[in-house]
Structure formats: structure tokens, C-alpha cells
């Protein structure tokens, strides 16, 4: 999984990149190598907003895009909540795909049965 970290009004340090890599490692094991994850962190400029540290994550998979957003007073907390929420969405998406695949498969036949009924002697 390719991870891109963007910062809006916040410099993206190497420590922040490592934190994002660590938090989203579990999701990386559950999705394809071709998946793209974009994590954007920013700070709300309005002083009346107490929870100004915002983290947004967008995961591009084949045929679907999953998103999560959280705002809090601490950027690390926001990243943790976003990664947990995205993990739940990935799990739900995988289960949905598995159920669809199982519904498409024909019912399996017992061993030795070819699916053709023998003709009765007349």
C-alpha cells in the first residue's frame, strides 16, 4: 500500500510520517499492494474551534473509496481514531466482498456425484 502524507498549514515531519506508517500498518496488510492511502493533517485556523487538530484519510481501493475524518485537540489522537475507523470500514468492505463471492459460487456436490442422473433401465 502506498501512503502519502500531506500537511495543510502544518509541516510534515519525519516523526509524523513514521507515526502514520505505524498506525496504518494493519490496514496495509488487509488491502492490496495497489491501494493508495492519502492522509491529510491540518489545523483549523478559527480560534473558536477548540478541537482544531484534524486528520483525514482517504483509501483508494479497486472500485471503492473509503474515507475517515476526525478532529480533536491532539493530532496523534485524531490519527488514531481515523486509523481505527478506516480499519472498521476495510473489514466491513472485505466481509461484503466475501459474502458476494460466496453467494455467486454454485452449491458444491458430494464426492462421486457428477451432477447427471443415471437413466433407469426400461
C-alpha atoms as a PDB file:
ATOM      1  CA  UNK A   1       0.000   0.000   0.000  1.00  0.00           C
ATOM      2  CA  UNK A   2       1.335   3.404  -0.962  1.00  0.00           C
ATOM      3  CA  UNK A   3       0.942   6.071   1.738  1.00  0.00           C
ATOM      4  CA  UNK A   4       1.059   9.800   1.042  1.00  0.00           C
ATOM      5  CA  UNK A   5       1.076  12.247   3.961  1.00  0.00           C
ATOM      6  CA  UNK A   6       0.038  15.844   3.306  1.00  0.00           C
ATOM      7  CA  UNK A   7       0.042  18.782   5.681  1.00  0.00           C
ATOM      8  CA  UNK A   8      -2.067  21.890   5.341  1.00  0.00           C
ATOM      9  CA  UNK A   9      -0.692  24.737   7.493  1.00  0.00           C
ATOM     10  CA  UNK A  10       1.365  22.113   9.366  1.00  0.00           C
ATOM     11  CA  UNK A  11       4.852  20.948   8.386  1.00  0.00           C
ATOM     12  CA  UNK A  12       5.026  17.199   7.803  1.00  0.00           C
ATOM     13  CA  UNK A  13       7.984  15.950   9.818  1.00  0.00           C
ATOM     14  CA  UNK A  14       9.658  12.569   9.587  1.00  0.00           C
ATOM     15  CA  UNK A  15       8.206  11.677  13.020  1.00  0.00           C
ATOM     16  CA  UNK A  16       4.698  12.331  11.709  1.00  0.00           C
ATOM     17  CA  UNK A  17       5.341  10.132   8.655  1.00  0.00           C
ATOM     18  CA  UNK A  18       6.578   7.305  10.909  1.00  0.00           C
ATOM     19  CA  UNK A  19       3.515   7.671  13.146  1.00  0.00           C
ATOM     20  CA  UNK A  20       1.216   7.400  10.118  1.00  0.00           C
ATOM     21  CA  UNK A  21       3.147   4.348   8.854  1.00  0.00           C
ATOM     22  CA  UNK A  22       2.805   2.668  12.271  1.00  0.00           C
ATOM     23  CA  UNK A  23      -0.897   3.466  12.728  1.00  0.00           C
ATOM     24  CA  UNK A  24      -1.935   2.278   9.246  1.00  0.00           C
ATOM     25  CA  UNK A  25       0.300  -0.823   9.099  1.00  0.00           C
ATOM     26  CA  UNK A  26      -2.601  -3.149   9.982  1.00  0.00           C
ATOM     27  CA  UNK A  27      -4.742  -1.736   7.191  1.00  0.00           C
ATOM     28  CA  UNK A  28      -1.834  -2.182   4.781  1.00  0.00           C
ATOM     29  CA  UNK A  29      -1.824  -5.933   5.478  1.00  0.00           C
ATOM     30  CA  UNK A  30      -5.551  -6.220   4.739  1.00  0.00           C
ATOM     31  CA  UNK A  31      -5.648  -4.443   1.371  1.00  0.00           C
ATOM     32  CA  UNK A  32      -3.967  -4.874  -1.982  1.00  0.00           C
ATOM     33  CA  UNK A  33      -0.452  -3.649  -2.721  1.00  0.00           C
ATOM     34  CA  UNK A  34      -2.025  -1.359  -5.343  1.00  0.00           C
ATOM     35  CA  UNK A  35      -4.124   0.512  -2.763  1.00  0.00           C
ATOM     36  CA  UNK A  36      -3.362   4.185  -2.204  1.00  0.00           C
ATOM     37  CA  UNK A  37      -3.797   5.903   1.153  1.00  0.00           C
ATOM     38  CA  UNK A  38      -3.795   9.686   1.411  1.00  0.00           C
ATOM     39  CA  UNK A  39      -3.541  11.126   4.925  1.00  0.00           C
ATOM     40  CA  UNK A  40      -4.038  14.863   5.281  1.00  0.00           C
ATOM     41  CA  UNK A  41      -3.435  16.654   8.552  1.00  0.00           C
ATOM     42  CA  UNK A  42      -4.251  20.284   9.222  1.00  0.00           C
ATOM     43  CA  UNK A  43      -5.095  22.787  11.897  1.00  0.00           C
ATOM     44  CA  UNK A  44      -8.309  24.778  11.891  1.00  0.00           C
ATOM     45  CA  UNK A  45      -7.460  28.483  11.944  1.00  0.00           C
ATOM     46  CA  UNK A  46     -10.663  29.594  13.686  1.00  0.00           C
ATOM     47  CA  UNK A  47      -9.878  30.301  17.374  1.00  0.00           C
ATOM     48  CA  UNK A  48     -13.433  29.475  18.447  1.00  0.00           C
ATOM     49  CA  UNK A  49     -12.948  25.839  17.377  1.00  0.00           C
ATOM     50  CA  UNK A  50     -11.449  24.034  20.364  1.00  0.00           C
ATOM     51  CA  UNK A  51     -10.802  20.767  18.517  1.00  0.00           C
ATOM     52  CA  UNK A  52      -8.549  22.255  15.871  1.00  0.00           C
ATOM     53  CA  UNK A  53      -6.227  19.332  15.014  1.00  0.00           C
ATOM     54  CA  UNK A  54      -7.833  17.470  12.114  1.00  0.00           C
ATOM     55  CA  UNK A  55      -6.793  14.242  10.393  1.00  0.00           C
ATOM     56  CA  UNK A  56      -8.443  12.963   7.208  1.00  0.00           C
ATOM     57  CA  UNK A  57      -7.667   9.668   5.497  1.00  0.00           C
ATOM     58  CA  UNK A  58      -8.779   8.548   2.042  1.00  0.00           C
ATOM     59  CA  UNK A  59      -8.139   4.966   0.955  1.00  0.00           C
ATOM     60  CA  UNK A  60      -8.475   4.264  -2.765  1.00  0.00           C
ATOM     61  CA  UNK A  61      -9.184   0.604  -3.460  1.00  0.00           C
ATOM     62  CA  UNK A  62     -10.232  -1.074  -6.667  1.00  0.00           C
ATOM     63  CA  UNK A  63     -13.793   0.093  -7.236  1.00  0.00           C
ATOM     64  CA  UNK A  64     -14.311   1.828  -3.883  1.00  0.00           C
ATOM     65  CA  UNK A  65     -13.012   4.793  -1.908  1.00  0.00           C
ATOM     66  CA  UNK A  66     -13.113   4.764   1.892  1.00  0.00           C
ATOM     67  CA  UNK A  67     -12.815   7.950   3.968  1.00  0.00           C
ATOM     68  CA  UNK A  68     -12.486   8.895   7.610  1.00  0.00           C
ATOM     69  CA  UNK A  69     -12.126  12.259   9.367  1.00  0.00           C
ATOM     70  CA  UNK A  70     -11.652  13.247  12.985  1.00  0.00           C
ATOM     71  CA  UNK A  71     -10.913  16.475  14.836  1.00  0.00           C
ATOM     72  CA  UNK A  72      -9.565  16.754  18.373  1.00  0.00           C
ATOM     73  CA  UNK A  73      -7.164  18.799  20.468  1.00  0.00           C
ATOM     74  CA  UNK A  74      -4.285  16.373  19.784  1.00  0.00           C
ATOM     75  CA  UNK A  75      -3.115  15.362  16.305  1.00  0.00           C
ATOM     76  CA  UNK A  76      -1.927  11.916  17.455  1.00  0.00           C
ATOM     77  CA  UNK A  77      -5.353  11.181  18.893  1.00  0.00           C
ATOM     78  CA  UNK A  78      -7.021  12.254  15.655  1.00  0.00           C
ATOM     79  CA  UNK A  79      -4.734   9.958  13.650  1.00  0.00           C
ATOM     80  CA  UNK A  80      -5.506   7.052  15.982  1.00  0.00           C
ATOM     81  CA  UNK A  81      -9.263   7.490  15.663  1.00  0.00           C
ATOM     82  CA  UNK A  82      -9.027   7.860  11.882  1.00  0.00           C
ATOM     83  CA  UNK A  83      -6.949   4.694  11.524  1.00  0.00           C
ATOM     84  CA  UNK A  84      -9.377   2.735  13.722  1.00  0.00           C
ATOM     85  CA  UNK A  85     -12.384   3.961  11.741  1.00  0.00           C
ATOM     86  CA  UNK A  86     -10.733   3.153   8.421  1.00  0.00           C
ATOM     87  CA  UNK A  87      -9.865  -0.310   9.755  1.00  0.00           C
ATOM     88  CA  UNK A  88     -13.532  -0.933  10.536  1.00  0.00           C
ATOM     89  CA  UNK A  89     -14.529   0.225   7.056  1.00  0.00           C
ATOM     90  CA  UNK A  90     -11.935  -2.031   5.403  1.00  0.00           C
ATOM     91  CA  UNK A  91     -13.139  -5.015   7.435  1.00  0.00           C
ATOM     92  CA  UNK A  92     -16.768  -4.300   6.506  1.00  0.00           C
ATOM     93  CA  UNK A  93     -15.812  -3.960   2.823  1.00  0.00           C
ATOM     94  CA  UNK A  94     -13.881  -7.267   2.857  1.00  0.00           C
ATOM     95  CA  UNK A  95     -16.801  -9.087   4.509  1.00  0.00           C
ATOM     96  CA  UNK A  96     -19.208  -7.669   1.942  1.00  0.00           C
ATOM     97  CA  UNK A  97     -16.983  -8.857  -0.911  1.00  0.00           C
ATOM     98  CA  UNK A  98     -16.628 -12.300   0.702  1.00  0.00           C
ATOM     99  CA  UNK A  99     -20.413 -12.683   1.090  1.00  0.00           C
ATOM    100  CA  UNK A 100     -20.978 -11.701  -2.543  1.00  0.00           C
ATOM    101  CA  UNK A 101     -18.341 -14.170  -3.725  1.00  0.00           C
ATOM    102  CA  UNK A 102     -19.857 -16.980  -1.652  1.00  0.00           C
ATOM    103  CA  UNK A 103     -23.342 -16.201  -2.973  1.00  0.00           C
ATOM    104  CA  UNK A 104     -22.071 -16.455  -6.557  1.00  0.00           C
ATOM    105  CA  UNK A 105     -20.414 -19.859  -6.087  1.00  0.00           C
ATOM    106  CA  UNK A 106     -22.606 -22.817  -7.066  1.00  0.00           C
ATOM    107  CA  UNK A 107     -23.526 -25.269  -4.360  1.00  0.00           C
ATOM    108  CA  UNK A 108     -20.885 -27.973  -4.060  1.00  0.00           C
ATOM    109  CA  UNK A 109     -21.876 -31.547  -4.804  1.00  0.00           C
ATOM    110  CA  UNK A 110     -20.906 -34.569  -2.674  1.00  0.00           C
ATOM    111  CA  UNK A 111     -17.938 -36.669  -3.825  1.00  0.00           C
ATOM    112  CA  UNK A 112     -18.665 -39.073  -6.671  1.00  0.00           C
ATOM    113  CA  UNK A 113     -21.726 -37.236  -7.941  1.00  0.00           C
ATOM    114  CA  UNK A 114     -21.207 -35.703 -11.355  1.00  0.00           C
ATOM    115  CA  UNK A 115     -24.492 -33.860 -11.388  1.00  0.00           C
ATOM    116  CA  UNK A 116     -26.065 -36.201 -14.001  1.00  0.00           C
ATOM    117  CA  UNK A 117     -28.865 -38.551 -13.030  1.00  0.00           C
ATOM    118  CA  UNK A 118     -28.415 -42.185 -14.242  1.00  0.00           C
ATOM    119  CA  UNK A 119     -31.031 -43.486 -16.615  1.00  0.00           C
ATOM    120  CA  UNK A 120     -33.353 -46.187 -15.263  1.00  0.00           C
ATOM    121  CA  UNK A 121     -33.482 -49.484 -17.237  1.00  0.00           C
ATOM    122  CA  UNK A 122     -36.662 -49.746 -19.263  1.00  0.00           C
END
